[in-house]
């Protein structure tokens, strides 16, 4: 059973280098998926208030029998909680649904700049962190301008979780992250059915390594210091997705995958979309 290596966040907390995404599974599906993923070696489980499956994540963890300190749980809060006090209420509700006193990583799910209250929300996150109820804090789907507003207030996330794959590799945003020691997490790391996985370049590299195209794409993420969170409820696919740390892509192969970036706009624009 392979375990993913860990990365160290800018506050010293360690996080697994690959996790299980859970959207769009319901609670029952999520509980089963988390339990089987734990057997495969997963220790990072990603959920959100908006996924409506936090209870399933908690149930799956309990079913796994894993000690709490071996599990890393991420959740995210919705825009209605974007205030200092609102974040505290959101945490209490998520904590109760998960059945956990402490959430390892807690994120603002979308910036919702029309509200322009995410800075207050992030201050609320930092208060949770200072109290020990949250180990690490961060954001999701933030663009450089949203991060800059946090930086201007002396606030630095540990993580920004964004839509990311080789065809949309977000190099400008990742460079901003690197400047401030922010870890990049990827949702939809395998392209969410966009056909990327069948690209001839990926298929050829997979054949050269005796791996699947999905494994090659996930290895591209991890070798670039990105934490992918592929969603799967299938035990065989879960095991396949985490079994990527025993081979290396060459610099030329990494570059070939990065060159697949086609510069297409995001299908969900953080300037106008959010919940």
C-alpha atoms as a PDB file:
ATOM      1  CA  UNK A   1       0.000   0.000   0.000  1.00  0.00           C
ATOM      2  CA  UNK A   2       1.761   3.188  -1.151  1.00  0.00           C
ATOM      3  CA  UNK A   3       1.422   6.345   0.897  1.00  0.00           C
ATOM      4  CA  UNK A   4       1.874   9.698  -0.786  1.00  0.00           C
ATOM      5  CA  UNK A   5       4.889  11.706   0.377  1.00  0.00           C
ATOM      6  CA  UNK A   6       4.164  14.965   2.166  1.00  0.00           C
ATOM      7  CA  UNK A   7       4.800  18.637   1.489  1.00  0.00           C
ATOM      8  CA  UNK A   8       5.341  21.276   4.157  1.00  0.00           C
ATOM      9  CA  UNK A   9       3.057  24.301   4.176  1.00  0.00           C
ATOM     10  CA  UNK A  10       4.365  27.786   4.951  1.00  0.00           C
ATOM     11  CA  UNK A  11       3.275  27.418   8.587  1.00  0.00           C
ATOM     12  CA  UNK A  12       5.140  24.131   9.090  1.00  0.00           C
ATOM     13  CA  UNK A  13       2.122  21.808   8.812  1.00  0.00           C
ATOM     14  CA  UNK A  14       2.665  18.804   6.546  1.00  0.00           C
ATOM     15  CA  UNK A  15       0.109  17.761   3.922  1.00  0.00           C
ATOM     16  CA  UNK A  16      -0.020  14.649   1.705  1.00  0.00           C
ATOM     17  CA  UNK A  17       1.114  15.300  -1.872  1.00  0.00           C
ATOM     18  CA  UNK A  18      -2.038  13.724  -3.366  1.00  0.00           C
ATOM     19  CA  UNK A  19      -5.600  13.505  -2.107  1.00  0.00           C
ATOM     20  CA  UNK A  20      -9.081  12.238  -2.871  1.00  0.00           C
ATOM     21  CA  UNK A  21     -11.615  14.645  -4.327  1.00  0.00           C
ATOM     22  CA  UNK A  22     -15.239  13.946  -3.399  1.00  0.00           C
ATOM     23  CA  UNK A  23     -17.376  16.169  -5.629  1.00  0.00           C
ATOM     24  CA  UNK A  24     -20.047  15.356  -6.849  1.00  0.00           C
ATOM     25  CA  UNK A  25     -20.655  12.316  -4.641  1.00  0.00           C
ATOM     26  CA  UNK A  26     -23.446  12.160  -2.067  1.00  0.00           C
ATOM     27  CA  UNK A  27     -22.862  11.180   1.555  1.00  0.00           C
ATOM     28  CA  UNK A  28     -23.325   7.448   1.032  1.00  0.00           C
ATOM     29  CA  UNK A  29     -21.044   7.352  -2.016  1.00  0.00           C
ATOM     30  CA  UNK A  30     -18.488   9.517  -0.249  1.00  0.00           C
ATOM     31  CA  UNK A  31     -18.354   7.323   2.852  1.00  0.00           C
ATOM     32  CA  UNK A  32     -17.684   4.259   0.698  1.00  0.00           C
ATOM     33  CA  UNK A  33     -15.122   6.101  -1.445  1.00  0.00           C
ATOM     34  CA  UNK A  34     -13.194   7.446   1.549  1.00  0.00           C
ATOM     35  CA  UNK A  35     -13.128   4.031   3.229  1.00  0.00           C
ATOM     36  CA  UNK A  36     -11.775   2.281   0.129  1.00  0.00           C
ATOM     37  CA  UNK A  37      -9.331   5.114  -0.586  1.00  0.00           C
ATOM     38  CA  UNK A  38      -7.944   4.796   2.931  1.00  0.00           C
ATOM     39  CA  UNK A  39      -7.169   1.141   2.224  1.00  0.00           C
ATOM     40  CA  UNK A  40      -5.346   2.239  -0.941  1.00  0.00           C
ATOM     41  CA  UNK A  41      -3.174   4.624   1.075  1.00  0.00           C
ATOM     42  CA  UNK A  42      -4.967   7.953   0.797  1.00  0.00           C
ATOM     43  CA  UNK A  43      -4.680  10.219   3.807  1.00  0.00           C
ATOM     44  CA  UNK A  44      -5.873  13.550   2.336  1.00  0.00           C
ATOM     45  CA  UNK A  45      -9.633  13.888   1.817  1.00  0.00           C
ATOM     46  CA  UNK A  46     -11.141  16.981   0.208  1.00  0.00           C
ATOM     47  CA  UNK A  47     -14.712  18.132   0.775  1.00  0.00           C
ATOM     48  CA  UNK A  48     -16.703  21.359   1.088  1.00  0.00           C
ATOM     49  CA  UNK A  49     -19.897  22.723   2.556  1.00  0.00           C
ATOM     50  CA  UNK A  50     -21.222  23.107  -0.983  1.00  0.00           C
ATOM     51  CA  UNK A  51     -20.567  19.456  -1.856  1.00  0.00           C
ATOM     52  CA  UNK A  52     -23.106  18.429   0.801  1.00  0.00           C
ATOM     53  CA  UNK A  53     -21.026  15.346   1.645  1.00  0.00           C
ATOM     54  CA  UNK A  54     -18.980  16.385   4.699  1.00  0.00           C
ATOM     55  CA  UNK A  55     -20.893  13.843   6.796  1.00  0.00           C
ATOM     56  CA  UNK A  56     -19.879  11.150   4.319  1.00  0.00           C
ATOM     57  CA  UNK A  57     -16.219  12.085   4.642  1.00  0.00           C
ATOM     58  CA  UNK A  58     -16.456  11.835   8.413  1.00  0.00           C
ATOM     59  CA  UNK A  59     -18.231   8.484   8.226  1.00  0.00           C
ATOM     60  CA  UNK A  60     -15.667   7.120   5.777  1.00  0.00           C
ATOM     61  CA  UNK A  61     -12.802   8.148   8.052  1.00  0.00           C
ATOM     62  CA  UNK A  62     -14.425   6.507  11.074  1.00  0.00           C
ATOM     63  CA  UNK A  63     -15.079   3.381   9.039  1.00  0.00           C
ATOM     64  CA  UNK A  64     -11.433   3.269   7.959  1.00  0.00           C
ATOM     65  CA  UNK A  65     -10.243   2.938  11.544  1.00  0.00           C
ATOM     66  CA  UNK A  66      -7.341   5.290  10.852  1.00  0.00           C
ATOM     67  CA  UNK A  67      -6.023   7.290  13.810  1.00  0.00           C
ATOM     68  CA  UNK A  68      -7.098  10.923  13.579  1.00  0.00           C
ATOM     69  CA  UNK A  69      -3.526  12.180  13.398  1.00  0.00           C
ATOM     70  CA  UNK A  70      -2.930  10.132  10.239  1.00  0.00           C
ATOM     71  CA  UNK A  71      -5.766  11.815   8.330  1.00  0.00           C
ATOM     72  CA  UNK A  72      -5.740  15.247   6.680  1.00  0.00           C
ATOM     73  CA  UNK A  73      -9.212  16.711   6.031  1.00  0.00           C
ATOM     74  CA  UNK A  74      -9.931  19.775   3.902  1.00  0.00           C
ATOM     75  CA  UNK A  75     -13.233  21.621   3.775  1.00  0.00           C
ATOM     76  CA  UNK A  76     -14.428  24.928   2.359  1.00  0.00           C
ATOM     77  CA  UNK A  77     -16.990  27.569   3.311  1.00  0.00           C
ATOM     78  CA  UNK A  78     -19.593  29.325   1.185  1.00  0.00           C
ATOM     79  CA  UNK A  79     -19.985  33.024   0.417  1.00  0.00           C
ATOM     80  CA  UNK A  80     -22.799  33.621   2.913  1.00  0.00           C
ATOM     81  CA  UNK A  81     -20.187  33.206   5.667  1.00  0.00           C
ATOM     82  CA  UNK A  82     -17.777  35.827   4.304  1.00  0.00           C
ATOM     83  CA  UNK A  83     -17.270  37.767   7.515  1.00  0.00           C
ATOM     84  CA  UNK A  84     -15.116  37.369  10.594  1.00  0.00           C
ATOM     85  CA  UNK A  85     -17.976  36.012  12.707  1.00  0.00           C
ATOM     86  CA  UNK A  86     -19.566  34.144   9.800  1.00  0.00           C
ATOM     87  CA  UNK A  87     -16.475  32.006   9.371  1.00  0.00           C
ATOM     88  CA  UNK A  88     -16.721  30.897  12.993  1.00  0.00           C
ATOM     89  CA  UNK A  89     -20.329  29.775  12.425  1.00  0.00           C
ATOM     90  CA  UNK A  90     -19.408  28.023   9.182  1.00  0.00           C
ATOM     91  CA  UNK A  91     -16.642  26.133  10.945  1.00  0.00           C
ATOM     92  CA  UNK A  92     -18.928  24.977  13.746  1.00  0.00           C
ATOM     93  CA  UNK A  93     -21.410  23.602  11.210  1.00  0.00           C
ATOM     94  CA  UNK A  94     -18.749  21.860   9.101  1.00  0.00           C
ATOM     95  CA  UNK A  95     -17.060  20.461  12.193  1.00  0.00           C
ATOM     96  CA  UNK A  96     -20.347  18.995  13.364  1.00  0.00           C
ATOM     97  CA  UNK A  97     -21.120  17.445   9.980  1.00  0.00           C
ATOM     98  CA  UNK A  98     -17.649  15.938   9.752  1.00  0.00           C
ATOM     99  CA  UNK A  99     -17.702  14.768  13.353  1.00  0.00           C
ATOM    100  CA  UNK A 100     -14.268  16.331  13.881  1.00  0.00           C
ATOM    101  CA  UNK A 101     -13.149  18.883  16.446  1.00  0.00           C
ATOM    102  CA  UNK A 102     -10.288  20.055  14.221  1.00  0.00           C
ATOM    103  CA  UNK A 103     -10.241  20.622  10.448  1.00  0.00           C
ATOM    104  CA  UNK A 104      -6.766  20.274   8.985  1.00  0.00           C
ATOM    105  CA  UNK A 105      -7.220  22.751   6.134  1.00  0.00           C
ATOM    106  CA  UNK A 106     -10.096  25.205   5.850  1.00  0.00           C
ATOM    107  CA  UNK A 107     -10.595  27.240   2.690  1.00  0.00           C
ATOM    108  CA  UNK A 108     -12.679  30.122   1.368  1.00  0.00           C
ATOM    109  CA  UNK A 109     -14.305  28.307  -1.562  1.00  0.00           C
ATOM    110  CA  UNK A 110     -14.645  31.236  -4.011  1.00  0.00           C
ATOM    111  CA  UNK A 111     -13.597  34.886  -3.695  1.00  0.00           C
ATOM    112  CA  UNK A 112     -16.989  36.312  -4.736  1.00  0.00           C
ATOM    113  CA  UNK A 113     -15.446  39.742  -5.413  1.00  0.00           C
ATOM    114  CA  UNK A 114     -18.876  41.310  -5.887  1.00  0.00           C
ATOM    115  CA  UNK A 115     -19.271  40.992  -2.107  1.00  0.00           C
ATOM    116  CA  UNK A 116     -15.654  42.073  -1.494  1.00  0.00           C
ATOM    117  CA  UNK A 117     -15.685  40.574   1.995  1.00  0.00           C
ATOM    118  CA  UNK A 118     -13.170  37.761   1.579  1.00  0.00           C
ATOM    119  CA  UNK A 119     -10.484  39.703   3.449  1.00  0.00           C
ATOM    120  CA  UNK A 120     -12.709  39.774   6.552  1.00  0.00           C
ATOM    121  CA  UNK A 121     -13.431  36.080   6.008  1.00  0.00           C
ATOM    122  CA  UNK A 122      -9.719  35.315   5.865  1.00  0.00           C
ATOM    123  CA  UNK A 123      -9.195  37.173   9.136  1.00  0.00           C
ATOM    124  CA  UNK A 124     -11.841  34.862  10.558  1.00  0.00           C
ATOM    125  CA  UNK A 125      -9.892  31.877   9.263  1.00  0.00           C
ATOM    126  CA  UNK A 126      -6.756  33.123  10.933  1.00  0.00           C
ATOM    127  CA  UNK A 127      -8.608  33.435  14.235  1.00  0.00           C
ATOM    128  CA  UNK A 128      -9.717  29.817  13.891  1.00  0.00           C
ATOM    129  CA  UNK A 129      -6.137  28.830  13.216  1.00  0.00           C
ATOM    130  CA  UNK A 130      -4.864  30.790  16.204  1.00  0.00           C
ATOM    131  CA  UNK A 131      -7.407  28.970  18.395  1.00  0.00           C
ATOM    132  CA  UNK A 132      -6.164  25.564  17.215  1.00  0.00           C
ATOM    133  CA  UNK A 133      -9.473  24.526  15.674  1.00  0.00           C
ATOM    134  CA  UNK A 134      -7.954  24.693  12.181  1.00  0.00           C
ATOM    135  CA  UNK A 135      -4.365  23.628  11.443  1.00  0.00           C
ATOM    136  CA  UNK A 136      -3.935  25.374   8.092  1.00  0.00           C
ATOM    137  CA  UNK A 137      -5.939  27.962   6.180  1.00  0.00           C
ATOM    138  CA  UNK A 138      -6.267  28.998   2.595  1.00  0.00           C
ATOM    139  CA  UNK A 139      -8.401  29.916  -0.358  1.00  0.00           C
ATOM    140  CA  UNK A 140      -9.810  28.308  -3.473  1.00  0.00           C
ATOM    141  CA  UNK A 141     -10.265  29.722  -6.966  1.00  0.00           C
ATOM    142  CA  UNK A 142      -8.505  32.979  -6.083  1.00  0.00           C
ATOM    143  CA  UNK A 143      -6.909  34.941  -8.931  1.00  0.00           C
ATOM    144  CA  UNK A 144      -3.723  37.021  -8.537  1.00  0.00           C
ATOM    145  CA  UNK A 145      -5.690  40.186  -7.812  1.00  0.00           C
ATOM    146  CA  UNK A 146      -7.627  38.496  -5.012  1.00  0.00           C
ATOM    147  CA  UNK A 147      -4.443  37.176  -3.462  1.00  0.00           C
ATOM    148  CA  UNK A 148      -2.853  40.601  -3.735  1.00  0.00           C
ATOM    149  CA  UNK A 149      -5.642  42.120  -1.687  1.00  0.00           C
ATOM    150  CA  UNK A 150      -4.818  39.626   1.059  1.00  0.00           C
ATOM    151  CA  UNK A 151      -1.085  40.328   0.768  1.00  0.00           C
ATOM    152  CA  UNK A 152      -1.751  44.066   1.064  1.00  0.00           C
ATOM    153  CA  UNK A 153      -3.322  43.346   4.465  1.00  0.00           C
ATOM    154  CA  UNK A 154      -0.412  41.169   5.586  1.00  0.00           C
ATOM    155  CA  UNK A 155      -2.403  37.958   5.075  1.00  0.00           C
ATOM    156  CA  UNK A 156      -0.878  34.930   3.342  1.00  0.00           C
ATOM    157  CA  UNK A 157      -2.764  31.657   2.731  1.00  0.00           C
ATOM    158  CA  UNK A 158      -1.113  28.299   3.094  1.00  0.00           C
ATOM    159  CA  UNK A 159      -2.932  26.908   0.017  1.00  0.00           C
ATOM    160  CA  UNK A 160      -4.822  28.077  -3.063  1.00  0.00           C
ATOM    161  CA  UNK A 161      -6.865  25.278  -4.610  1.00  0.00           C
ATOM    162  CA  UNK A 162      -7.603  25.973  -8.274  1.00  0.00           C
ATOM    163  CA  UNK A 163      -8.764  24.280 -11.462  1.00  0.00           C
ATOM    164  CA  UNK A 164      -5.571  23.061 -13.030  1.00  0.00           C
ATOM    165  CA  UNK A 165      -4.277  20.522 -15.520  1.00  0.00           C
ATOM    166  CA  UNK A 166      -1.539  20.534 -18.189  1.00  0.00           C
ATOM    167  CA  UNK A 167      -3.855  22.215 -20.734  1.00  0.00           C
ATOM    168  CA  UNK A 168      -4.684  24.981 -18.232  1.00  0.00           C
ATOM    169  CA  UNK A 169      -1.559  24.977 -16.124  1.00  0.00           C
ATOM    170  CA  UNK A 170      -2.003  28.476 -14.638  1.00  0.00           C
ATOM    171  CA  UNK A 171       1.724  29.248 -14.690  1.00  0.00           C
ATOM    172  CA  UNK A 172       1.218  32.951 -13.847  1.00  0.00           C
ATOM    173  CA  UNK A 173      -0.798  32.137 -10.749  1.00  0.00           C
ATOM    174  CA  UNK A 174       1.586  29.370  -9.693  1.00  0.00           C
ATOM    175  CA  UNK A 175       4.462  31.852  -9.945  1.00  0.00           C
ATOM    176  CA  UNK A 176       2.577  34.186  -7.586  1.00  0.00           C
ATOM    177  CA  UNK A 177       2.090  31.279  -5.201  1.00  0.00           C
ATOM    178  CA  UNK A 178       5.798  30.454  -5.296  1.00  0.00           C
ATOM    179  CA  UNK A 179       6.706  34.042  -4.420  1.00  0.00           C
ATOM    180  CA  UNK A 180       4.734  33.773  -1.189  1.00  0.00           C
ATOM    181  CA  UNK A 181       5.297  30.124  -0.267  1.00  0.00           C
ATOM    182  CA  UNK A 182       1.716  29.129  -1.098  1.00  0.00           C
ATOM    183  CA  UNK A 183       1.094  25.517  -2.088  1.00  0.00           C
ATOM    184  CA  UNK A 184      -0.974  24.989  -5.236  1.00  0.00           C
ATOM    185  CA  UNK A 185      -3.699  22.356  -5.068  1.00  0.00           C
ATOM    186  CA  UNK A 186      -5.516  21.195  -8.209  1.00  0.00           C
ATOM    187  CA  UNK A 187      -9.149  20.310  -8.524  1.00  0.00           C
ATOM    188  CA  UNK A 188     -10.146  18.519 -11.736  1.00  0.00           C
ATOM    189  CA  UNK A 189      -6.478  17.536 -12.257  1.00  0.00           C
ATOM    190  CA  UNK A 190      -7.372  15.022 -14.981  1.00  0.00           C
ATOM    191  CA  UNK A 191      -9.284  17.483 -17.117  1.00  0.00           C
ATOM    192  CA  UNK A 192     -12.887  16.729 -16.120  1.00  0.00           C
ATOM    193  CA  UNK A 193     -13.690  14.944 -19.376  1.00  0.00           C
ATOM    194  CA  UNK A 194     -12.165  17.580 -21.651  1.00  0.00           C
ATOM    195  CA  UNK A 195     -10.377  14.958 -23.762  1.00  0.00           C
ATOM    196  CA  UNK A 196      -6.921  15.970 -22.519  1.00  0.00           C
ATOM    197  CA  UNK A 197      -6.199  12.467 -21.280  1.00  0.00           C
ATOM    198  CA  UNK A 198      -6.262  11.191 -24.878  1.00  0.00           C
ATOM    199  CA  UNK A 199      -3.713  13.723 -26.167  1.00  0.00           C
ATOM    200  CA  UNK A 200      -1.069  11.911 -28.265  1.00  0.00           C
ATOM    201  CA  UNK A 201       1.737  13.473 -26.209  1.00  0.00           C
ATOM    202  CA  UNK A 202       0.306  12.070 -22.978  1.00  0.00           C
ATOM    203  CA  UNK A 203      -0.456   8.671 -24.474  1.00  0.00           C
ATOM    204  CA  UNK A 204       3.106   8.394 -25.821  1.00  0.00           C
ATOM    205  CA  UNK A 205       4.713   9.319 -22.493  1.00  0.00           C
ATOM    206  CA  UNK A 206       2.449   6.838 -20.700  1.00  0.00           C
ATOM    207  CA  UNK A 207       3.471   4.064 -23.080  1.00  0.00           C
ATOM    208  CA  UNK A 208       7.149   4.883 -22.564  1.00  0.00           C
ATOM    209  CA  UNK A 209       6.775   4.430 -18.804  1.00  0.00           C
ATOM    210  CA  UNK A 210       4.326   1.534 -18.875  1.00  0.00           C
ATOM    211  CA  UNK A 211       1.765   3.704 -17.090  1.00  0.00           C
ATOM    212  CA  UNK A 212      -1.722   5.001 -17.791  1.00  0.00           C
ATOM    213  CA  UNK A 213      -2.252   8.511 -19.186  1.00  0.00           C
ATOM    214  CA  UNK A 214      -3.959   9.470 -15.926  1.00  0.00           C
ATOM    215  CA  UNK A 215      -0.945   8.406 -13.892  1.00  0.00           C
ATOM    216  CA  UNK A 216       1.328  10.479 -16.136  1.00  0.00           C
ATOM    217  CA  UNK A 217      -0.842  13.577 -15.699  1.00  0.00           C
ATOM    218  CA  UNK A 218      -0.970  13.166 -11.930  1.00  0.00           C
ATOM    219  CA  UNK A 219       2.812  12.702 -11.848  1.00  0.00           C
ATOM    220  CA  UNK A 220       3.185  15.928 -13.847  1.00  0.00           C
ATOM    221  CA  UNK A 221       1.269  17.662 -11.050  1.00  0.00           C
ATOM    222  CA  UNK A 222       3.271  16.206  -8.187  1.00  0.00           C
ATOM    223  CA  UNK A 223       6.656  16.761  -9.832  1.00  0.00           C
ATOM    224  CA  UNK A 224       5.663  20.410 -10.265  1.00  0.00           C
ATOM    225  CA  UNK A 225       4.883  20.671  -6.551  1.00  0.00           C
ATOM    226  CA  UNK A 226       1.118  20.708  -7.172  1.00  0.00           C
ATOM    227  CA  UNK A 227      -1.206  18.608  -4.993  1.00  0.00           C
ATOM    228  CA  UNK A 228      -3.818  16.921  -7.209  1.00  0.00           C
ATOM    229  CA  UNK A 229      -7.132  15.762  -5.746  1.00  0.00           C
ATOM    230  CA  UNK A 230      -8.613  13.383  -8.337  1.00  0.00           C
ATOM    231  CA  UNK A 231     -12.136  12.195  -7.597  1.00  0.00           C
ATOM    232  CA  UNK A 232     -12.884   8.502  -7.885  1.00  0.00           C
ATOM    233  CA  UNK A 233     -15.261   6.121  -6.182  1.00  0.00           C
ATOM    234  CA  UNK A 234     -13.706   3.107  -7.914  1.00  0.00           C
ATOM    235  CA  UNK A 235     -11.234   1.200  -5.741  1.00  0.00           C
ATOM    236  CA  UNK A 236      -9.102   0.098  -8.710  1.00  0.00           C
ATOM    237  CA  UNK A 237      -8.875   3.628 -10.085  1.00  0.00           C
ATOM    238  CA  UNK A 238      -8.143   5.033  -6.626  1.00  0.00           C
ATOM    239  CA  UNK A 239      -5.211   2.631  -6.265  1.00  0.00           C
ATOM    240  CA  UNK A 240      -4.000   3.529  -9.752  1.00  0.00           C
ATOM    241  CA  UNK A 241      -4.152   7.272  -9.032  1.00  0.00           C
ATOM    242  CA  UNK A 242      -2.029   7.087  -5.900  1.00  0.00           C
ATOM    243  CA  UNK A 243       0.516   4.634  -7.356  1.00  0.00           C
ATOM    244  CA  UNK A 244       2.567   7.322  -9.093  1.00  0.00           C
ATOM    245  CA  UNK A 245       5.473   7.998  -6.768  1.00  0.00           C
ATOM    246  CA  UNK A 246       7.679   5.165  -8.000  1.00  0.00           C
ATOM    247  CA  UNK A 247       8.519   6.666 -11.400  1.00  0.00           C
ATOM    248  CA  UNK A 248       9.825  10.011 -12.638  1.00  0.00           C
ATOM    249  CA  UNK A 249       9.034  12.052 -15.708  1.00  0.00           C
ATOM    250  CA  UNK A 250      12.067  13.608 -17.352  1.00  0.00           C
ATOM    251  CA  UNK A 251      12.469  17.365 -17.677  1.00  0.00           C
ATOM    252  CA  UNK A 252      11.680  17.051 -21.387  1.00  0.00           C
ATOM    253  CA  UNK A 253       8.511  15.091 -20.628  1.00  0.00           C
ATOM    254  CA  UNK A 254       7.392  17.635 -18.037  1.00  0.00           C
ATOM    255  CA  UNK A 255       7.970  20.410 -20.568  1.00  0.00           C
ATOM    256  CA  UNK A 256       6.036  18.530 -23.253  1.00  0.00           C
ATOM    257  CA  UNK A 257       3.054  18.233 -20.944  1.00  0.00           C
ATOM    258  CA  UNK A 258       3.243  21.880 -19.908  1.00  0.00           C
ATOM    259  CA  UNK A 259       3.334  22.836 -23.595  1.00  0.00           C
ATOM    260  CA  UNK A 260      -0.198  21.442 -23.918  1.00  0.00           C
ATOM    261  CA  UNK A 261      -1.497  24.657 -22.315  1.00  0.00           C
ATOM    262  CA  UNK A 262      -3.893  26.090 -24.871  1.00  0.00           C
ATOM    263  CA  UNK A 263      -4.690  29.301 -23.000  1.00  0.00           C
ATOM    264  CA  UNK A 264      -8.430  28.754 -22.947  1.00  0.00           C
ATOM    265  CA  UNK A 265     -10.421  30.803 -20.426  1.00  0.00           C
ATOM    266  CA  UNK A 266     -11.735  29.122 -17.318  1.00  0.00           C
ATOM    267  CA  UNK A 267     -15.231  27.712 -17.718  1.00  0.00           C
ATOM    268  CA  UNK A 268     -16.055  28.989 -14.211  1.00  0.00           C
ATOM    269  CA  UNK A 269     -14.744  32.557 -13.941  1.00  0.00           C
ATOM    270  CA  UNK A 270     -13.921  33.527 -10.319  1.00  0.00           C
ATOM    271  CA  UNK A 271     -14.762  37.135 -11.212  1.00  0.00           C
ATOM    272  CA  UNK A 272     -18.395  36.224 -11.813  1.00  0.00           C
ATOM    273  CA  UNK A 273     -19.002  32.713 -10.452  1.00  0.00           C
ATOM    274  CA  UNK A 274     -19.027  31.599  -6.842  1.00  0.00           C
ATOM    275  CA  UNK A 275     -21.017  30.067  -4.034  1.00  0.00           C
END
